[in-house]
Amino acid sequence: MELPWHITIIITYLIAVNLFAVIITILDKYRAVHHGWRVKEATLLLVSAFGGAVGMYITMHIIRHKTRKLKFMIGIPAIFLAEVFVILLISILLGK
């Protein structure tokens, strides 16, 4: 069964943004360890808000990065839950 084109685009986008979230989280951890230029926290949170929350949250735990910051430990799951809520609300409103 082939997925509708708009679902394929959404899935592709989510894969790409989560991959990007993983990469910048690892990059920020690497630069933190090696005292290099860091990725801004606002950028990390923004990437999460644009759909990369799952990839970032999993990566944070795997590499133990930002796990002591409440902004991330509460913020990233909150962003994810808000995104799920919006998707469910849109689905209900569209009757799908």
PDB file of N, CA and C in Angstrom:
ATOM      1  N   MET A   1       0.833  -1.179   0.000  1.00  0.00           N
ATOM      2  CA  MET A   1       0.000   0.000   0.000  1.00  0.00           C
ATOM      3  C   MET A   1       0.882   1.249   0.000  1.00  0.00           C
ATOM      4  N   GLU A   2       0.624   2.114  -0.914  1.00  0.00           N
ATOM      5  CA  GLU A   2       1.391   3.345  -1.027  1.00  0.00           C
ATOM      6  C   GLU A   2       0.751   4.440  -0.185  1.00  0.00           C
ATOM      7  N   LEU A   3       1.596   5.188   0.507  1.00  0.00           N
ATOM      8  CA  LEU A   3       1.099   6.292   1.323  1.00  0.00           C
ATOM      9  C   LEU A   3       0.744   7.481   0.439  1.00  0.00           C
ATOM     10  N   PRO A   4      -0.222   8.291   0.869  1.00  0.00           N
ATOM     11  CA  PRO A   4      -0.513   9.528   0.141  1.00  0.00           C
ATOM     12  C   PRO A   4       0.731  10.423   0.128  1.00  0.00           C
ATOM     13  N   TRP A   5       0.860  11.242  -0.908  1.00  0.00           N
ATOM     14  CA  TRP A   5       2.062  12.056  -1.089  1.00  0.00           C
ATOM     15  C   TRP A   5       2.309  12.991   0.093  1.00  0.00           C
ATOM     16  N   HIS A   6       1.256  13.561   0.673  1.00  0.00           N
ATOM     17  CA  HIS A   6       1.464  14.505   1.770  1.00  0.00           C
ATOM     18  C   HIS A   6       1.964  13.798   3.035  1.00  0.00           C
ATOM     19  N   ILE A   7       1.557  12.564   3.248  1.00  0.00           N
ATOM     20  CA  ILE A   7       2.058  11.788   4.386  1.00  0.00           C
ATOM     21  C   ILE A   7       3.527  11.441   4.169  1.00  0.00           C
ATOM     22  N   THR A   8       3.888  11.103   2.945  1.00  0.00           N
ATOM     23  CA  THR A   8       5.281  10.805   2.607  1.00  0.00           C
ATOM     24  C   THR A   8       6.163  12.021   2.870  1.00  0.00           C
ATOM     25  N   ILE A   9       5.683  13.197   2.504  1.00  0.00           N
ATOM     26  CA  ILE A   9       6.443  14.431   2.736  1.00  0.00           C
ATOM     27  C   ILE A   9       6.616  14.677   4.234  1.00  0.00           C
ATOM     28  N   ILE A  10       5.562  14.491   5.002  1.00  0.00           N
ATOM     29  CA  ILE A  10       5.629  14.710   6.451  1.00  0.00           C
ATOM     30  C   ILE A  10       6.608  13.735   7.103  1.00  0.00           C
ATOM     31  N   ILE A  11       6.539  12.476   6.727  1.00  0.00           N
ATOM     32  CA  ILE A  11       7.450  11.472   7.289  1.00  0.00           C
ATOM     33  C   ILE A  11       8.895  11.792   6.923  1.00  0.00           C
ATOM     34  N   THR A  12       9.134  12.169   5.675  1.00  0.00           N
ATOM     35  CA  THR A  12      10.478  12.531   5.230  1.00  0.00           C
ATOM     36  C   THR A  12      10.999  13.729   6.016  1.00  0.00           C
ATOM     37  N   TYR A  13      10.145  14.727   6.204  1.00  0.00           N
ATOM     38  CA  TYR A  13      10.523  15.914   6.975  1.00  0.00           C
ATOM     39  C   TYR A  13      10.900  15.532   8.405  1.00  0.00           C
ATOM     40  N   LEU A  14      10.064  14.720   9.047  1.00  0.00           N
ATOM     41  CA  LEU A  14      10.331  14.341  10.437  1.00  0.00           C
ATOM     42  C   LEU A  14      11.618  13.535  10.578  1.00  0.00           C
ATOM     43  N   ILE A  15      11.886  12.665   9.621  1.00  0.00           N
ATOM     44  CA  ILE A  15      13.149  11.916   9.640  1.00  0.00           C
ATOM     45  C   ILE A  15      14.321  12.878   9.511  1.00  0.00           C
ATOM     46  N   ALA A  16      14.225  13.824   8.580  1.00  0.00           N
ATOM     47  CA  ALA A  16      15.314  14.781   8.350  1.00  0.00           C
ATOM     48  C   ALA A  16      15.545  15.674   9.564  1.00  0.00           C
ATOM     49  N   VAL A  17      14.482  16.225  10.142  1.00  0.00           N
ATOM     50  CA  VAL A  17      14.650  17.144  11.274  1.00  0.00           C
ATOM     51  C   VAL A  17      15.153  16.400  12.507  1.00  0.00           C
ATOM     52  N   ASN A  18      14.757  15.147  12.691  1.00  0.00           N
ATOM     53  CA  ASN A  18      15.265  14.374  13.821  1.00  0.00           C
ATOM     54  C   ASN A  18      16.722  13.985  13.620  1.00  0.00           C
ATOM     55  N   LEU A  19      17.104  13.677  12.396  1.00  0.00           N
ATOM     56  CA  LEU A  19      18.510  13.408  12.099  1.00  0.00           C
ATOM     57  C   LEU A  19      19.350  14.655  12.366  1.00  0.00           C
ATOM     58  N   PHE A  20      18.844  15.812  11.954  1.00  0.00           N
ATOM     59  CA  PHE A  20      19.532  17.079  12.217  1.00  0.00           C
ATOM     60  C   PHE A  20      19.652  17.316  13.724  1.00  0.00           C
ATOM     61  N   ALA A  21      18.590  17.021  14.474  1.00  0.00           N
ATOM     62  CA  ALA A  21      18.614  17.185  15.932  1.00  0.00           C
ATOM     63  C   ALA A  21      19.684  16.298  16.563  1.00  0.00           C
ATOM     64  N   VAL A  22      19.789  15.073  16.088  1.00  0.00           N
ATOM     65  CA  VAL A  22      20.817  14.152  16.590  1.00  0.00           C
ATOM     66  C   VAL A  22      22.204  14.720  16.305  1.00  0.00           C
ATOM     67  N   ILE A  23      22.411  15.184  15.085  1.00  0.00           N
ATOM     68  CA  ILE A  23      23.726  15.699  14.683  1.00  0.00           C
ATOM     69  C   ILE A  23      24.122  16.916  15.511  1.00  0.00           C
ATOM     70  N   ILE A  24      23.218  17.886  15.677  1.00  0.00           N
ATOM     71  CA  ILE A  24      23.621  19.092  16.417  1.00  0.00           C
ATOM     72  C   ILE A  24      23.774  18.817  17.916  1.00  0.00           C
ATOM     73  N   THR A  25      23.053  17.839  18.436  1.00  0.00           N
ATOM     74  CA  THR A  25      23.225  17.480  19.844  1.00  0.00           C
ATOM     75  C   THR A  25      24.593  16.844  20.056  1.00  0.00           C
ATOM     76  N   ILE A  26      24.973  15.940  19.168  1.00  0.00           N
ATOM     77  CA  ILE A  26      26.302  15.315  19.248  1.00  0.00           C
ATOM     78  C   ILE A  26      27.393  16.361  19.040  1.00  0.00           C
ATOM     79  N   LEU A  27      27.192  17.262  18.082  1.00  0.00           N
ATOM     80  CA  LEU A  27      28.161  18.327  17.820  1.00  0.00           C
ATOM     81  C   LEU A  27      28.341  19.212  19.052  1.00  0.00           C
ATOM     82  N   ASP A  28      27.237  19.579  19.699  1.00  0.00           N
ATOM     83  CA  ASP A  28      27.328  20.420  20.889  1.00  0.00           C
ATOM     84  C   ASP A  28      28.062  19.696  22.017  1.00  0.00           C
ATOM     85  N   LYS A  29      27.801  18.422  22.190  1.00  0.00           N
ATOM     86  CA  LYS A  29      28.502  17.637  23.216  1.00  0.00           C
ATOM     87  C   LYS A  29      29.998  17.579  22.909  1.00  0.00           C
ATOM     88  N   TYR A  30      30.347  17.323  21.659  1.00  0.00           N
ATOM     89  CA  TYR A  30      31.749  17.259  21.251  1.00  0.00           C
ATOM     90  C   TYR A  30      32.456  18.582  21.543  1.00  0.00           C
ATOM     91  N   ARG A  31      31.784  19.675  21.167  1.00  0.00           N
ATOM     92  CA  ARG A  31      32.394  20.990  21.383  1.00  0.00           C
ATOM     93  C   ARG A  31      32.467  21.343  22.865  1.00  0.00           C
ATOM     94  N   ALA A  32      31.538  20.859  23.660  1.00  0.00           N
ATOM     95  CA  ALA A  32      31.588  21.099  25.107  1.00  0.00           C
ATOM     96  C   ALA A  32      32.801  20.401  25.714  1.00  0.00           C
ATOM     97  N   VAL A  33      33.039  19.173  25.292  1.00  0.00           N
ATOM     98  CA  VAL A  33      34.172  18.401  25.809  1.00  0.00           C
ATOM     99  C   VAL A  33      35.497  19.012  25.360  1.00  0.00           C
ATOM    100  N   HIS A  34      35.544  19.513  24.126  1.00  0.00           N
ATOM    101  CA  HIS A  34      36.785  20.042  23.555  1.00  0.00           C
ATOM    102  C   HIS A  34      36.873  21.564  23.630  1.00  0.00           C
ATOM    103  N   HIS A  35      36.021  22.178  24.420  1.00  0.00           N
ATOM    104  CA  HIS A  35      36.040  23.629  24.663  1.00  0.00           C
ATOM    105  C   HIS A  35      35.930  24.447  23.379  1.00  0.00           C
ATOM    106  N   GLY A  36      35.101  23.995  22.477  1.00  0.00           N
ATOM    107  CA  GLY A  36      34.898  24.711  21.223  1.00  0.00           C
ATOM    108  C   GLY A  36      33.641  25.563  21.253  1.00  0.00           C
ATOM    109  N   TRP A  37      33.351  26.179  20.122  1.00  0.00           N
ATOM    110  CA  TRP A  37      32.153  26.992  19.966  1.00  0.00           C
ATOM    111  C   TRP A  37      30.938  26.098  20.109  1.00  0.00           C
ATOM    112  N   ARG A  38      29.984  26.522  20.928  1.00  0.00           N
ATOM    113  CA  ARG A  38      28.819  25.701  21.257  1.00  0.00           C
ATOM    114  C   ARG A  38      27.608  26.083  20.425  1.00  0.00           C
ATOM    115  N   VAL A  39      26.702  25.140  20.292  1.00  0.00           N
ATOM    116  CA  VAL A  39      25.399  25.395  19.677  1.00  0.00           C
ATOM    117  C   VAL A  39      24.546  26.075  20.745  1.00  0.00           C
ATOM    118  N   LYS A  40      23.883  27.164  20.383  1.00  0.00           N
ATOM    119  CA  LYS A  40      23.061  27.894  21.348  1.00  0.00           C
ATOM    120  C   LYS A  40      21.915  27.011  21.834  1.00  0.00           C
ATOM    121  N   GLU A  41      21.593  27.156  23.118  1.00  0.00           N
ATOM    122  CA  GLU A  41      20.480  26.392  23.677  1.00  0.00           C
ATOM    123  C   GLU A  41      19.181  26.717  22.950  1.00  0.00           C
ATOM    124  N   ALA A  42      19.022  27.971  22.569  1.00  0.00           N
ATOM    125  CA  ALA A  42      17.813  28.371  21.840  1.00  0.00           C
ATOM    126  C   ALA A  42      17.703  27.622  20.518  1.00  0.00           C
ATOM    127  N   THR A  43      18.835  27.383  19.866  1.00  0.00           N
ATOM    128  CA  THR A  43      18.831  26.640  18.606  1.00  0.00           C
ATOM    129  C   THR A  43      18.413  25.194  18.841  1.00  0.00           C
ATOM    130  N   LEU A  44      18.943  24.589  19.893  1.00  0.00           N
ATOM    131  CA  LEU A  44      18.580  23.209  20.212  1.00  0.00           C
ATOM    132  C   LEU A  44      17.078  23.100  20.492  1.00  0.00           C
ATOM    133  N   LEU A  45      16.546  24.038  21.257  1.00  0.00           N
ATOM    134  CA  LEU A  45      15.115  24.023  21.572  1.00  0.00           C
ATOM    135  C   LEU A  45      14.272  24.307  20.332  1.00  0.00           C
ATOM    136  N   LEU A  46      14.750  25.191  19.470  1.00  0.00           N
ATOM    137  CA  LEU A  46      14.017  25.514  18.241  1.00  0.00           C
ATOM    138  C   LEU A  46      13.939  24.308  17.311  1.00  0.00           C
ATOM    139  N   VAL A  47      15.035  23.588  17.187  1.00  0.00           N
ATOM    140  CA  VAL A  47      15.027  22.376  16.359  1.00  0.00           C
ATOM    141  C   VAL A  47      14.032  21.365  16.928  1.00  0.00           C
ATOM    142  N   SER A  48      13.985  21.269  18.238  1.00  0.00           N
ATOM    143  CA  SER A  48      12.993  20.390  18.878  1.00  0.00           C
ATOM    144  C   SER A  48      11.581  20.841  18.550  1.00  0.00           C
ATOM    145  N   ALA A  49      11.356  22.138  18.609  1.00  0.00           N
ATOM    146  CA  ALA A  49      10.022  22.683  18.336  1.00  0.00           C
ATOM    147  C   ALA A  49       9.592  22.463  16.891  1.00  0.00           C
ATOM    148  N   PHE A  50      10.550  22.349  15.996  1.00  0.00           N
ATOM    149  CA  PHE A  50      10.229  22.113  14.587  1.00  0.00           C
ATOM    150  C   PHE A  50      10.130  20.629  14.254  1.00  0.00           C
ATOM    151  N   GLY A  51      10.056  19.780  15.282  1.00  0.00           N
ATOM    152  CA  GLY A  51       9.817  18.361  15.046  1.00  0.00           C
ATOM    153  C   GLY A  51      10.937  17.426  15.443  1.00  0.00           C
ATOM    154  N   GLY A  52      12.037  17.963  15.957  1.00  0.00           N
ATOM    155  CA  GLY A  52      13.175  17.114  16.290  1.00  0.00           C
ATOM    156  C   GLY A  52      13.266  16.705  17.746  1.00  0.00           C
ATOM    157  N   ALA A  53      12.173  16.833  18.484  1.00  0.00           N
ATOM    158  CA  ALA A  53      12.196  16.562  19.929  1.00  0.00           C
ATOM    159  C   ALA A  53      12.557  15.113  20.251  1.00  0.00           C
ATOM    160  N   VAL A  54      12.018  14.179  19.513  1.00  0.00           N
ATOM    161  CA  VAL A  54      12.278  12.760  19.805  1.00  0.00           C
ATOM    162  C   VAL A  54      13.753  12.427  19.600  1.00  0.00           C
ATOM    163  N   GLY A  55      14.295  12.813  18.461  1.00  0.00           N
ATOM    164  CA  GLY A  55      15.705  12.542  18.179  1.00  0.00           C
ATOM    165  C   GLY A  55      16.633  13.204  19.179  1.00  0.00           C
ATOM    166  N   MET A  56      16.309  14.446  19.544  1.00  0.00           N
ATOM    167  CA  MET A  56      17.156  15.158  20.491  1.00  0.00           C
ATOM    168  C   MET A  56      17.081  14.531  21.878  1.00  0.00           C
ATOM    169  N   TYR A  57      15.896  14.192  22.326  1.00  0.00           N
ATOM    170  CA  TYR A  57      15.724  13.638  23.673  1.00  0.00           C
ATOM    171  C   TYR A  57      16.440  12.291  23.816  1.00  0.00           C
ATOM    172  N   ILE A  58      16.288  11.441  22.831  1.00  0.00           N
ATOM    173  CA  ILE A  58      16.968  10.137  22.868  1.00  0.00           C
ATOM    174  C   ILE A  58      18.482  10.326  22.846  1.00  0.00           C
ATOM    175  N   THR A  59      18.961  11.210  21.979  1.00  0.00           N
ATOM    176  CA  THR A  59      20.401  11.464  21.879  1.00  0.00           C
ATOM    177  C   THR A  59      20.949  12.054  23.172  1.00  0.00           C
ATOM    178  N   MET A  60      20.200  12.964  23.786  1.00  0.00           N
ATOM    179  CA  MET A  60      20.626  13.553  25.058  1.00  0.00           C
ATOM    180  C   MET A  60      20.917  12.471  26.090  1.00  0.00           C
ATOM    181  N   HIS A  61      20.067  11.470  26.143  1.00  0.00           N
ATOM    182  CA  HIS A  61      20.254  10.406  27.124  1.00  0.00           C
ATOM    183  C   HIS A  61      21.380   9.449  26.729  1.00  0.00           C
ATOM    184  N   ILE A  62      21.492   9.147  25.460  1.00  0.00           N
ATOM    185  CA  ILE A  62      22.547   8.229  25.013  1.00  0.00           C
ATOM    186  C   ILE A  62      23.930   8.812  25.278  1.00  0.00           C
ATOM    187  N   ILE A  63      24.115  10.103  24.959  1.00  0.00           N
ATOM    188  CA  ILE A  63      25.443  10.711  25.125  1.00  0.00           C
ATOM    189  C   ILE A  63      25.571  11.508  26.425  1.00  0.00           C
ATOM    190  N   ARG A  64      24.531  11.482  27.253  1.00  0.00           N
ATOM    191  CA  ARG A  64      24.506  12.193  28.537  1.00  0.00           C
ATOM    192  C   ARG A  64      24.853  13.667  28.366  1.00  0.00           C
ATOM    193  N   HIS A  65      24.043  14.333  27.582  1.00  0.00           N
ATOM    194  CA  HIS A  65      24.258  15.752  27.310  1.00  0.00           C
ATOM    195  C   HIS A  65      22.982  16.525  27.617  1.00  0.00           C
ATOM    196  N   LYS A  66      23.097  17.592  28.375  1.00  0.00           N
ATOM    197  CA  LYS A  66      21.988  18.469  28.775  1.00  0.00           C
ATOM    198  C   LYS A  66      20.998  17.765  29.700  1.00  0.00           C
ATOM    199  N   THR A  67      21.389  16.639  30.277  1.00  0.00           N
ATOM    200  CA  THR A  67      20.455  15.889  31.118  1.00  0.00           C
ATOM    201  C   THR A  67      20.330  16.469  32.526  1.00  0.00           C
ATOM    202  N   ARG A  68      21.168  17.408  32.881  1.00  0.00           N
ATOM    203  CA  ARG A  68      21.051  18.073  34.186  1.00  0.00           C
ATOM    204  C   ARG A  68      20.287  19.388  34.094  1.00  0.00           C
ATOM    205  N   LYS A  69      19.932  19.778  32.908  1.00  0.00           N
ATOM    206  CA  LYS A  69      19.232  21.052  32.715  1.00  0.00           C
ATOM    207  C   LYS A  69      17.735  20.806  32.626  1.00  0.00           C
ATOM    208  N   LEU A  70      17.002  21.378  33.585  1.00  0.00           N
ATOM    209  CA  LEU A  70      15.548  21.209  33.591  1.00  0.00           C
ATOM    210  C   LEU A  70      14.909  21.758  32.327  1.00  0.00           C
ATOM    211  N   LYS A  71      15.513  22.817  31.782  1.00  0.00           N
ATOM    212  CA  LYS A  71      14.997  23.406  30.547  1.00  0.00           C
ATOM    213  C   LYS A  71      14.879  22.352  29.449  1.00  0.00           C
ATOM    214  N   PHE A  72      15.805  21.419  29.434  1.00  0.00           N
ATOM    215  CA  PHE A  72      15.805  20.373  28.415  1.00  0.00           C
ATOM    216  C   PHE A  72      15.063  19.121  28.868  1.00  0.00           C
ATOM    217  N   MET A  73      15.240  18.742  30.119  1.00  0.00           N
ATOM    218  CA  MET A  73      14.609  17.513  30.610  1.00  0.00           C
ATOM    219  C   MET A  73      13.088  17.643  30.713  1.00  0.00           C
ATOM    220  N   ILE A  74      12.612  18.852  30.923  1.00  0.00           N
ATOM    221  CA  ILE A  74      11.171  19.095  30.946  1.00  0.00           C
ATOM    222  C   ILE A  74      10.715  19.700  29.623  1.00  0.00           C
ATOM    223  N   GLY A  75      11.526  20.596  29.085  1.00  0.00           N
ATOM    224  CA  GLY A  75      11.153  21.323  27.870  1.00  0.00           C
ATOM    225  C   GLY A  75      10.994  20.460  26.633  1.00  0.00           C
ATOM    226  N   ILE A  76      11.927  19.566  26.391  1.00  0.00           N
ATOM    227  CA  ILE A  76      11.866  18.731  25.183  1.00  0.00           C
ATOM    228  C   ILE A  76      10.643  17.809  25.210  1.00  0.00           C
ATOM    229  N   PRO A  77      10.393  17.078  26.308  1.00  0.00           N
ATOM    230  CA  PRO A  77       9.161  16.271  26.336  1.00  0.00           C
ATOM    231  C   PRO A  77       7.895  17.129  26.246  1.00  0.00           C
ATOM    232  N   ALA A  78       7.921  18.322  26.846  1.00  0.00           N
ATOM    233  CA  ALA A  78       6.753  19.213  26.768  1.00  0.00           C
ATOM    234  C   ALA A  78       6.503  19.655  25.330  1.00  0.00           C
ATOM    235  N   ILE A  79       7.573  19.952  24.613  1.00  0.00           N
ATOM    236  CA  ILE A  79       7.444  20.323  23.198  1.00  0.00           C
ATOM    237  C   ILE A  79       6.844  19.161  22.418  1.00  0.00           C
ATOM    238  N   PHE A  80       7.345  17.955  22.672  1.00  0.00           N
ATOM    239  CA  PHE A  80       6.830  16.775  21.976  1.00  0.00           C
ATOM    240  C   PHE A  80       5.345  16.572  22.265  1.00  0.00           C
ATOM    241  N   LEU A  81       4.957  16.662  23.522  1.00  0.00           N
ATOM    242  CA  LEU A  81       3.543  16.489  23.881  1.00  0.00           C
ATOM    243  C   LEU A  81       2.668  17.563  23.246  1.00  0.00           C
ATOM    244  N   ALA A  82       3.165  18.790  23.188  1.00  0.00           N
ATOM    245  CA  ALA A  82       2.416  19.870  22.538  1.00  0.00           C
ATOM    246  C   ALA A  82       2.239  19.577  21.051  1.00  0.00           C
ATOM    247  N   GLU A  83       3.283  19.064  20.415  1.00  0.00           N
ATOM    248  CA  GLU A  83       3.193  18.723  18.991  1.00  0.00           C
ATOM    249  C   GLU A  83       2.185  17.602  18.759  1.00  0.00           C
ATOM    250  N   VAL A  84       2.204  16.588  19.614  1.00  0.00           N
ATOM    251  CA  VAL A  84       1.238  15.490  19.497  1.00  0.00           C
ATOM    252  C   VAL A  84      -0.179  16.018  19.688  1.00  0.00           C
ATOM    253  N   PHE A  85      -0.371  16.890  20.672  1.00  0.00           N
ATOM    254  CA  PHE A  85      -1.684  17.480  20.925  1.00  0.00           C
ATOM    255  C   PHE A  85      -2.187  18.247  19.705  1.00  0.00           C
ATOM    256  N   VAL A  86      -1.331  19.048  19.107  1.00  0.00           N
ATOM    257  CA  VAL A  86      -1.723  19.828  17.924  1.00  0.00           C
ATOM    258  C   VAL A  86      -2.078  18.903  16.764  1.00  0.00           C
ATOM    259  N   ILE A  87      -1.296  17.863  16.555  1.00  0.00           N
ATOM    260  CA  ILE A  87      -1.580  16.910  15.474  1.00  0.00           C
ATOM    261  C   ILE A  87      -2.921  16.223  15.700  1.00  0.00           C
ATOM    262  N   LEU A  88      -3.170  15.789  16.934  1.00  0.00           N
ATOM    263  CA  LEU A  88      -4.454  15.157  17.244  1.00  0.00           C
ATOM    264  C   LEU A  88      -5.612  16.130  17.066  1.00  0.00           C
ATOM    265  N   LEU A  89      -5.429  17.361  17.497  1.00  0.00           N
ATOM    266  CA  LEU A  89      -6.469  18.375  17.349  1.00  0.00           C
ATOM    267  C   LEU A  89      -6.780  18.636  15.878  1.00  0.00           C
ATOM    268  N   ILE A  90      -5.749  18.764  15.070  1.00  0.00           N
ATOM    269  CA  ILE A  90      -5.948  18.977  13.631  1.00  0.00           C
ATOM    270  C   ILE A  90      -6.657  17.778  13.018  1.00  0.00           C
ATOM    271  N   SER A  91      -6.251  16.573  13.408  1.00  0.00           N
ATOM    272  CA  SER A  91      -6.893  15.362  12.883  1.00  0.00           C
ATOM    273  C   SER A  91      -8.371  15.322  13.240  1.00  0.00           C
ATOM    274  N   ILE A  92      -8.693  15.680  14.472  1.00  0.00           N
ATOM    275  CA  ILE A  92     -10.093  15.692  14.898  1.00  0.00           C
ATOM    276  C   ILE A  92     -10.878  16.748  14.133  1.00  0.00           C
ATOM    277  N   LEU A  93     -10.299  17.933  14.001  1.00  0.00           N
ATOM    278  CA  LEU A  93     -10.995  19.018  13.304  1.00  0.00           C
ATOM    279  C   LEU A  93     -11.207  18.715  11.825  1.00  0.00           C
ATOM    280  N   LEU A  94     -10.263  17.998  11.237  1.00  0.00           N
ATOM    281  CA  LEU A  94     -10.391  17.639   9.822  1.00  0.00           C
ATOM    282  C   LEU A  94     -11.196  16.361   9.633  1.00  0.00           C
ATOM    283  N   GLY A  95     -11.522  15.699  10.731  1.00  0.00           N
ATOM    284  CA  GLY A  95     -12.331  14.489  10.659  1.00  0.00           C
ATOM    285  C   GLY A  95     -11.603  13.292  10.105  1.00  0.00           C
ATOM    286  N   LYS A  96     -10.314  13.208  10.340  1.00  0.00           N
ATOM    287  CA  LYS A  96      -9.522  12.095   9.795  1.00  0.00           C
ATOM    288  C   LYS A  96      -9.137  11.149  10.895  1.00  0.00           C
TER     289      LYS A  96
END
